[in-house]
C-alpha cells in the first residue's frame, strides 16, 4: 500500500515538473539571447559612465550648468546599471 501511494505521488510530482523541462529550442535561444543582451547593455552603460566621468573632469572649470547636466546624466546611467545588475 505504501509503495503504491509513493508511486502515485511521484507520478503526480513529475507531471507537474514536466513543463519546466520541456523548453523548445526557440525558448532556450530566447533565454540565452535575453541574458546576453543584459550583459551587453551593462557593458555599454559602464562605458557610458566612464565617458561621462571624464567629461565632468574636463568641464570642472566650465559652466556650473554643464557640470550639473553631466552629473544628472551620470546618475541616470548609474541607476540604469543598478537596475540591470539587480535583475
Protein backbone atom coordinates (compact mmCIF):
# COMPACT_ATOMS: atom_id res chain seq x y z
CA UNK A 1 0.00 0.00 0.00
CA UNK A 2 2.80 2.43 0.89
CA UNK A 3 4.63 1.62 -2.32
CA UNK A 4 1.55 2.31 -4.43
CA UNK A 5 0.94 5.63 -2.69
CA UNK A 6 4.57 6.58 -3.19
CA UNK A 7 4.44 5.73 -6.91
CA UNK A 8 1.25 7.76 -7.37
CA UNK A 9 2.75 10.71 -5.51
CA UNK A 10 5.94 10.60 -7.59
CA UNK A 11 3.95 10.40 -10.82
CA UNK A 12 1.94 13.44 -9.77
CA UNK A 13 5.07 15.42 -8.91
CA UNK A 14 6.79 14.51 -12.19
CA UNK A 15 3.76 15.52 -14.23
CA UNK A 16 3.79 18.94 -12.55
CA UNK A 17 7.51 19.38 -13.24
CA UNK A 18 7.23 18.34 -16.90
CA UNK A 19 6.65 21.81 -18.38
CA UNK A 20 9.81 23.11 -16.72
CA UNK A 21 11.95 20.64 -18.62
CA UNK A 22 10.00 20.87 -21.87
CA UNK A 23 11.53 24.05 -23.26
CA UNK A 24 11.73 24.19 -27.01
CA UNK A 25 14.91 25.12 -28.82
CA UNK A 26 13.44 28.55 -29.61
CA UNK A 27 12.64 29.19 -25.96
CA UNK A 28 16.18 28.25 -24.93
CA UNK A 29 17.60 30.60 -27.56
CA UNK A 30 15.33 33.41 -26.36
CA UNK A 31 16.53 32.93 -22.78
CA UNK A 32 20.17 32.90 -23.84
CA UNK A 33 19.71 35.96 -26.04
CA UNK A 34 17.98 37.89 -23.26
CA UNK A 35 20.76 37.11 -20.80
CA UNK A 36 23.41 38.12 -23.33
CA UNK A 37 21.53 41.28 -24.14
CA UNK A 38 21.58 42.31 -20.48
CA UNK A 39 25.31 41.70 -20.27
CA UNK A 40 25.92 43.78 -23.40
CA UNK A 41 23.75 46.58 -22.06
CA UNK A 42 25.66 46.57 -18.77
CA UNK A 43 28.97 46.88 -20.63
CA UNK A 44 27.60 49.75 -22.71
CA UNK A 45 26.39 51.55 -19.59
CA UNK A 46 29.76 51.06 -17.85
CA UNK A 47 31.50 52.59 -20.86
CA UNK A 48 29.00 55.48 -20.88
CA UNK A 49 29.58 56.11 -17.16
CA UNK A 50 33.34 56.24 -17.73
CA UNK A 51 32.89 58.71 -20.59
CA UNK A 52 30.59 60.94 -18.55
CA UNK A 53 33.04 60.95 -15.64
CA UNK A 54 35.86 62.03 -17.96
CA UNK A 55 33.64 64.79 -19.40
CA UNK A 56 32.91 66.03 -15.88
CA UNK A 57 36.64 66.18 -15.14
CA UNK A 58 37.28 68.10 -18.37
CA UNK A 59 34.50 70.59 -17.64
CA UNK A 60 35.32 71.05 -13.95
CA UNK A 61 36.34 74.66 -14.64
CA UNK A 62 33.49 75.19 -17.10
CA UNK A 63 29.95 76.36 -16.54
CA UNK A 64 28.13 75.01 -13.50
CA UNK A 65 25.03 74.27 -15.61
CA UNK A 66 27.00 71.97 -17.91
CA UNK A 67 28.53 70.12 -14.95
CA UNK A 68 25.07 69.68 -13.38
CA UNK A 69 23.71 68.26 -16.65
CA UNK A 70 26.60 65.81 -16.84
CA UNK A 71 26.15 64.79 -13.21
CA UNK A 72 22.46 64.19 -13.86
CA UNK A 73 23.32 62.00 -16.88
CA UNK A 74 25.85 60.15 -14.75
CA UNK A 75 23.30 59.47 -12.02
CA UNK A 76 20.74 58.23 -14.56
CA UNK A 77 23.27 55.89 -16.15
CA UNK A 78 24.30 54.54 -12.75
CA UNK A 79 20.65 53.96 -11.82
CA UNK A 80 20.06 52.07 -15.07
CA UNK A 81 23.13 49.92 -14.42
CA UNK A 82 21.91 49.09 -10.91
CA UNK A 83 18.52 48.06 -12.30
CA UNK A 84 20.12 45.78 -14.88
CA UNK A 85 22.51 44.22 -12.40
CA UNK A 86 19.73 43.55 -9.89
CA UNK A 87 17.75 41.57 -12.49
